[in-house]
Amino acid sequence: MSVGPRASSTTAGPAPRAFSLAELLVVVGIVTLLIALMLPPLQMARRKTMQTACSAQLQQLGRALEGARADYGFYPLWDDGGDSIRYTWIDVLMQNQLLSPSGAPERSPGGRAIRGLGYCPADRLPDPLNSARHQGLIYPPRHNRAGIDYSYGIGVPLSAGGWAWQSGSARDGRPRRFPGYERGTSGRVLAGDAVSAAIYNLSGDALRTGIWNAPTQFDNTIAWGRHPGGTDGAQAANLLFQDGHVESVGFHSGRRYPVNTSRYYVWHAGESIHVGPEDRYEDNWYPCVPPASTGSGRGVYPAELDPRWYTRTHRWTRVKPK
């Protein structure tokens, strides 16, 4: 009797159990919660990185500014006053080989801006107040956008050589020299995050009003909102002081004194946050224009530091066309 092949028998295991809708929703909820918990620290770290990059650029600009003062006895004037394309003090530093020329930011293949020297990563290129303030100016790299380029402004009294004015040398008859310039260098603003090429004062009214020129055309030049989340919720900006150090300074818009002007100032300690060209200190008006030539060599503002001279004489040779 022959025995045929034995039939094989297989026992099927239980079918794999699928996720229920409730379980899937729980997983999605947990992932969402983890993302929500991680996002604020990541955003804070990103803001801190941008703030550090802006601070490092200010340190570099500070060294270049001191190089200009060592060579010529003055800091550069803030801009060339042009109506369509405006060169600034940063271009002067590049022209004099105190900074490496960077020109306008290039565009990566994906369209993302590659910001060079002179551009703070936290700058929205341009800042909304910048656009409102300079409607007629061309902002690179997109030439259909209003606003002045670069992310930093220079302190006006220092840029105008406020220590070099001599009695009777002003064309308007107003003495503009500010006394004691050699003191208080740790509190006097040399440059900082700004929405204009020049810093006149420490006003931050625009944080409340949204009006770039509130209360006067000289106000709201500092980009106080560029680094939000400062101490006690203050809007902050990086400021470079004349002694070379950089601080993140907060503007407390809800306080009676939003900025401690006995510690931070652009002209003299204790000044108003709205100080302007019509203000005086110890019988001297605000130094807001370069000193007039006296013919003696002293107090003569050098053409090499005046952006207007380069623009009018077509001498921008080390800066990309703007």
Protein backbone atom coordinates (compact mmCIF):
# COMPACT_ATOMS: atom_id res chain seq x y z
CA MET A 1 0.00 0.00 0.00
CA SER A 2 1.50 3.25 -1.08
CA VAL A 3 1.11 6.37 0.87
CA GLY A 4 0.69 9.60 -1.13
CA PRO A 5 2.10 12.93 -0.20
CA ARG A 6 0.79 14.26 3.00
CA ALA A 7 -1.32 17.33 2.70
CA SER A 8 0.28 20.31 4.33
CA SER A 9 -1.73 22.32 6.73
CA THR A 10 -0.97 25.94 7.64
CA THR A 11 -2.56 27.85 10.43
CA ALA A 12 -3.16 31.52 9.60
CA GLY A 13 -2.19 33.94 12.42
CA PRO A 14 -4.41 36.75 13.58
CA ALA A 15 -4.71 39.68 11.18
CA PRO A 16 -2.65 42.76 12.20
CA ARG A 17 -4.73 45.25 14.13
CA ALA A 18 -5.11 48.67 12.48
CA PHE A 19 -4.96 51.98 14.33
CA SER A 20 -8.31 53.25 15.31
CA LEU A 21 -9.29 56.81 14.51
CA ALA A 22 -9.10 57.71 18.18
CA GLU A 23 -5.54 56.36 18.49
CA LEU A 24 -4.48 58.22 15.35
CA LEU A 25 -5.87 61.44 16.72
CA VAL A 26 -3.99 60.90 19.98
CA VAL A 27 -0.70 60.44 18.07
CA VAL A 28 -1.35 63.54 15.97
CA GLY A 29 -2.18 65.47 19.14
CA ILE A 30 1.05 64.40 20.84
CA VAL A 31 3.16 65.35 17.79
CA THR A 32 1.40 68.73 17.58
CA LEU A 33 2.01 69.34 21.27
CA LEU A 34 5.71 68.49 20.91
CA ILE A 35 6.04 70.87 17.96
CA ALA A 36 4.26 73.60 19.91
CA LEU A 37 6.63 73.09 22.83
CA MET A 38 9.73 73.11 20.64
CA LEU A 39 8.80 76.02 18.36
CA PRO A 40 9.25 78.95 20.82
CA PRO A 41 12.76 77.85 21.89
CA LEU A 42 13.72 77.37 18.22
CA GLN A 43 12.38 80.81 17.31
CA MET A 44 14.18 82.34 20.29
CA ALA A 45 17.41 80.65 19.26
CA ARG A 46 16.97 81.92 15.71
CA ARG A 47 16.38 85.49 16.93
CA LYS A 48 19.40 85.24 19.20
CA THR A 49 21.54 84.06 16.28
CA MET A 50 20.42 86.99 14.13
CA GLN A 51 21.00 89.43 16.98
CA THR A 52 24.51 88.04 17.48
CA ALA A 53 25.23 88.40 13.75
CA CYS A 54 24.03 92.02 13.81
CA SER A 55 26.18 92.71 16.86
CA ALA A 56 29.24 91.20 15.19
CA GLN A 57 28.69 93.41 12.12
CA LEU A 58 28.48 96.48 14.32
CA GLN A 59 31.77 95.55 15.96
CA GLN A 60 33.35 95.34 12.51
CA LEU A 61 31.81 98.63 11.44
CA GLY A 62 33.10 100.21 14.65
CA ARG A 63 36.67 99.19 13.87
CA ALA A 64 36.33 100.61 10.36
CA LEU A 65 34.90 103.88 11.70
CA GLU A 66 37.79 104.28 14.09
CA GLY A 67 40.13 103.58 11.19
CA ALA A 68 38.54 106.46 9.26
CA ARG A 69 38.89 108.76 12.24
CA ALA A 70 42.52 107.76 12.67
CA ASP A 71 43.24 108.50 8.99
CA TYR A 72 41.23 111.71 8.55
CA GLY A 73 40.32 112.99 12.00
CA PHE A 74 36.57 112.55 11.36
CA TYR A 75 33.91 109.90 10.93
CA PRO A 76 32.13 109.64 7.54
CA LEU A 77 29.07 111.74 6.77
CA TRP A 78 25.84 109.69 6.77
CA ASP A 79 24.75 109.83 3.09
CA ASP A 80 25.00 111.67 -0.22
CA GLY A 81 21.54 113.24 -0.10
CA GLY A 82 20.58 111.71 -3.44
CA ASP A 83 16.98 111.66 -4.65
CA SER A 84 16.94 108.28 -6.38
CA ILE A 85 19.95 106.17 -5.35
CA ARG A 86 21.66 106.99 -2.07
CA TYR A 87 25.18 106.01 -1.04
CA THR A 88 25.94 106.06 2.68
CA TRP A 89 28.77 106.13 5.21
CA ILE A 90 29.13 102.36 4.85
CA ASP A 91 29.98 102.83 1.17
CA VAL A 92 32.56 105.44 2.21
CA LEU A 93 34.23 102.88 4.48
CA MET A 94 34.33 100.40 1.59
CA GLN A 95 35.63 103.02 -0.83
CA ASN A 96 38.46 103.79 1.55
CA GLN A 97 39.24 100.05 1.90
CA LEU A 98 38.38 100.06 5.59
CA LEU A 99 35.72 97.43 4.83
CA SER A 100 35.61 94.76 2.15
CA PRO A 101 33.13 95.85 -0.55
CA SER A 102 29.98 93.78 -0.52
CA GLY A 103 27.49 95.82 -2.51
CA ALA A 104 23.86 94.78 -2.52
CA PRO A 105 22.85 91.30 -1.36
CA GLU A 106 23.08 88.68 -4.08
CA ARG A 107 20.20 86.31 -4.77
CA SER A 108 20.64 82.58 -4.37
CA PRO A 109 19.19 80.19 -7.05
CA GLY A 110 16.19 79.71 -4.77
CA GLY A 111 15.63 83.45 -4.58
CA ARG A 112 16.72 83.82 -0.98
CA ALA A 113 18.69 86.94 -0.12
CA ILE A 114 22.35 86.41 0.75
CA ARG A 115 23.03 89.37 2.98
CA GLY A 116 26.49 90.82 2.90
CA LEU A 117 28.29 93.20 5.19
CA GLY A 118 26.05 96.07 6.15
CA TYR A 119 22.86 94.01 6.24
CA CYS A 120 21.43 92.72 9.52
CA PRO A 121 19.78 89.28 9.11
CA ALA A 122 16.82 90.55 11.16
CA ASP A 123 16.23 93.45 8.75
CA ARG A 124 13.12 92.88 6.65
CA LEU A 125 14.78 94.64 3.69
CA PRO A 126 13.40 97.20 3.89
CA ASP A 127 11.89 97.93 7.25
CA PRO A 128 8.30 99.24 6.91
CA LEU A 129 9.28 102.56 8.52
CA ASN A 130 12.20 102.73 6.12
CA SER A 131 9.86 102.37 3.14
CA ALA A 132 7.51 105.04 4.48
CA ARG A 133 10.38 107.42 5.20
CA HIS A 134 12.16 107.11 1.84
CA GLN A 135 9.47 106.71 -0.82
CA GLY A 136 11.65 108.02 -3.66
CA LEU A 137 14.76 105.95 -3.05
CA ILE A 138 15.75 102.67 -4.71
CA TYR A 139 16.37 99.71 -2.45
CA PRO A 140 18.58 96.94 -3.86
CA PRO A 141 18.39 94.23 -4.98
CA ARG A 142 14.77 94.70 -6.06
CA HIS A 143 14.69 98.09 -7.69
CA ASN A 144 10.93 98.44 -7.45
CA ARG A 145 11.05 98.64 -3.66
CA ALA A 146 11.31 101.91 -1.78
CA GLY A 147 13.71 102.48 1.08
CA ILE A 148 17.34 103.17 1.77
CA ASP A 149 19.70 100.23 1.74
CA TYR A 150 21.91 98.89 4.56
CA SER A 151 20.67 98.14 8.05
CA TYR A 152 22.68 100.55 10.17
CA GLY A 153 22.78 104.28 10.86
CA ILE A 154 25.55 106.48 12.24
CA GLY A 155 25.19 108.93 15.13
CA VAL A 156 24.68 112.43 13.69
CA PRO A 157 26.76 114.60 16.08
CA LEU A 158 29.76 112.28 15.71
CA SER A 159 29.28 111.96 11.96
CA ALA A 160 29.10 115.76 11.70
CA GLY A 161 32.30 116.20 13.70
CA GLY A 162 30.58 117.94 16.60
CA TRP A 163 33.89 118.37 18.43
CA ALA A 164 35.51 120.24 15.52
CA TRP A 165 33.16 123.20 15.22
CA GLN A 166 34.75 126.55 16.00
CA SER A 167 33.10 129.69 17.25
CA GLY A 168 31.80 131.75 14.35
CA SER A 169 32.50 129.08 11.71
CA ALA A 170 28.87 128.10 11.12
CA ARG A 171 27.25 129.44 7.96
CA ASP A 172 24.01 130.01 9.82
CA GLY A 173 25.78 131.75 12.69
CA ARG A 174 24.90 129.01 15.16
CA PRO A 175 27.73 127.47 17.19
CA ARG A 176 27.26 123.71 16.92
CA ARG A 177 30.14 122.29 18.92
CA PHE A 178 29.08 119.95 21.70
CA PRO A 179 31.29 120.22 24.80
CA GLY A 180 32.73 117.25 26.63
CA TYR A 181 32.70 114.93 23.61
CA GLU A 182 35.79 113.15 24.97
CA ARG A 183 33.78 112.10 28.03
CA GLY A 184 30.92 109.64 28.13
CA THR A 185 32.12 107.58 25.20
CA SER A 186 30.62 104.44 26.73
CA GLY A 187 27.12 105.90 26.44
CA ARG A 188 27.26 107.94 23.23
CA VAL A 189 25.79 106.11 20.21
CA LEU A 190 28.20 105.85 17.29
CA ALA A 191 26.06 103.56 15.13
CA GLY A 192 23.27 101.02 15.47
CA ASP A 193 20.30 99.16 14.02
CA ALA A 194 18.43 101.81 12.06
CA VAL A 195 15.86 102.51 9.37
CA SER A 196 17.86 105.43 8.01
CA ALA A 197 21.52 106.19 7.35
CA ALA A 198 21.61 108.62 10.28
CA ILE A 199 20.62 108.35 13.94
CA TYR A 200 19.37 111.63 15.40
CA ASN A 201 17.94 110.58 18.74
CA LEU A 202 16.44 107.70 20.71
CA SER A 203 12.77 108.20 19.88
CA GLY A 204 10.59 105.13 19.59
CA ASP A 205 7.18 106.73 19.20
CA ALA A 206 6.64 104.80 16.00
CA LEU A 207 6.35 101.61 18.04
CA ARG A 208 3.06 103.00 19.39
CA THR A 209 1.84 105.12 16.49
CA GLY A 210 3.18 103.38 13.40
CA ILE A 211 4.07 106.85 12.04
CA TRP A 212 7.69 107.10 10.95
CA ASN A 213 8.04 110.84 11.60
CA ALA A 214 6.22 111.10 14.93
CA PRO A 215 6.70 113.62 16.40
CA THR A 216 9.25 115.17 13.96
CA GLN A 217 11.02 114.21 10.76
CA PHE A 218 14.21 113.51 12.72
CA ASP A 219 12.69 110.85 14.97
CA ASN A 220 12.35 107.08 14.73
CA THR A 221 15.60 106.38 12.95
CA ILE A 222 16.56 103.51 15.27
CA ALA A 223 15.06 100.12 14.43
CA TRP A 224 13.82 99.45 17.94
CA GLY A 225 11.60 96.59 16.80
CA ARG A 226 14.31 94.64 15.02
CA HIS A 227 15.08 92.45 18.04
CA PRO A 228 11.84 91.95 19.99
CA GLY A 229 11.69 90.07 23.23
CA GLY A 230 14.20 92.11 25.20
CA THR A 231 14.21 92.41 28.96
CA ASP A 232 10.73 92.91 30.40
CA GLY A 233 9.22 92.58 26.94
CA ALA A 234 10.96 95.68 25.57
CA GLN A 235 11.56 96.19 21.88
CA ALA A 236 15.32 96.18 21.39
CA ALA A 237 18.06 97.32 19.03
CA ASN A 238 21.79 96.71 18.88
CA LEU A 239 23.74 99.93 19.43
CA LEU A 240 27.46 100.55 18.94
CA PHE A 241 28.92 103.07 21.35
CA GLN A 242 31.88 105.38 20.81
CA ASP A 243 34.14 103.35 23.07
CA GLY A 244 33.65 100.36 20.75
CA HIS A 245 31.31 98.12 22.73
CA VAL A 246 27.90 96.90 21.50
CA GLU A 247 24.78 96.51 23.63
CA SER A 248 21.24 95.35 23.02
CA VAL A 249 19.23 98.30 24.34
CA GLY A 250 15.52 97.98 25.10
CA PHE A 251 12.85 100.59 24.46
CA HIS A 252 9.99 100.36 26.98
CA SER A 253 7.12 102.11 25.19
CA GLY A 254 4.80 101.81 28.17
CA ARG A 255 7.06 103.64 30.59
CA ARG A 256 7.29 107.33 31.30
CA TYR A 257 10.98 107.23 30.38
CA PRO A 258 11.25 104.58 27.63
CA VAL A 259 15.06 104.86 27.47
CA ASN A 260 17.48 105.92 30.19
CA THR A 261 19.10 108.86 28.40
CA SER A 262 21.55 109.40 31.22
CA ARG A 263 23.06 106.08 30.14
CA TYR A 264 22.37 106.02 26.38
CA TYR A 265 22.43 109.14 24.19
CA VAL A 266 23.61 110.51 20.83
CA TRP A 267 24.68 114.00 21.93
CA HIS A 268 24.87 114.52 25.69
CA ALA A 269 23.75 112.58 28.73
CA GLY A 270 20.23 113.32 29.85
CA GLU A 271 19.04 114.70 26.52
CA SER A 272 15.45 114.29 25.34
CA ILE A 273 14.65 111.21 23.26
CA HIS A 274 13.33 113.73 20.67
CA VAL A 275 16.42 115.94 20.48
CA GLY A 276 16.85 117.59 17.07
CA PRO A 277 18.63 120.37 15.15
CA GLU A 278 16.66 123.10 16.91
CA ASP A 279 17.81 121.95 20.34
CA ARG A 280 20.70 123.53 22.22
CA TYR A 281 23.06 122.36 24.94
CA GLU A 282 25.29 124.84 26.76
CA ASP A 283 24.46 127.44 24.06
CA ASN A 284 25.44 125.11 21.21
CA TRP A 285 22.92 123.90 18.63
CA TYR A 286 22.69 120.25 17.62
CA PRO A 287 25.66 119.39 15.34
CA CYS A 288 23.75 118.11 12.31
CA VAL A 289 25.94 119.25 9.39
CA PRO A 290 29.71 118.94 8.87
CA PRO A 291 31.85 121.77 10.23
CA ALA A 292 32.50 124.60 7.82
CA SER A 293 35.98 125.01 6.40
CA THR A 294 38.07 127.50 8.33
CA GLY A 295 40.88 127.57 5.81
CA SER A 296 43.46 126.71 8.44
CA GLY A 297 43.27 122.95 8.04
CA ARG A 298 41.70 122.47 11.43
CA GLY A 299 38.02 121.63 11.41
CA VAL A 300 37.99 121.17 7.63
CA TYR A 301 35.80 118.22 6.76
CA PRO A 302 37.66 115.92 4.31
CA ALA A 303 36.04 115.20 0.94
CA GLU A 304 37.16 111.57 1.21
CA LEU A 305 34.59 110.99 3.97
CA ASP A 306 31.69 112.76 2.26
CA PRO A 307 29.45 110.46 0.17
CA ARG A 308 28.20 113.49 -1.78
CA TRP A 309 31.71 114.15 -3.10
CA TYR A 310 32.00 110.64 -4.51
CA THR A 311 28.54 110.78 -6.09
CA ARG A 312 28.99 114.22 -7.66
CA THR A 313 32.46 113.47 -9.00
CA HIS A 314 31.67 109.87 -10.03
CA ARG A 315 34.42 108.44 -7.86
CA TRP A 316 32.68 105.33 -6.53
CA THR A 317 35.24 102.85 -7.85
CA ARG A 318 35.24 100.17 -5.15
CA VAL A 319 31.49 99.92 -4.55
CA LYS A 320 29.07 98.11 -6.83
CA PRO A 321 26.64 100.34 -8.73
CA LYS A 322 23.52 100.94 -6.73
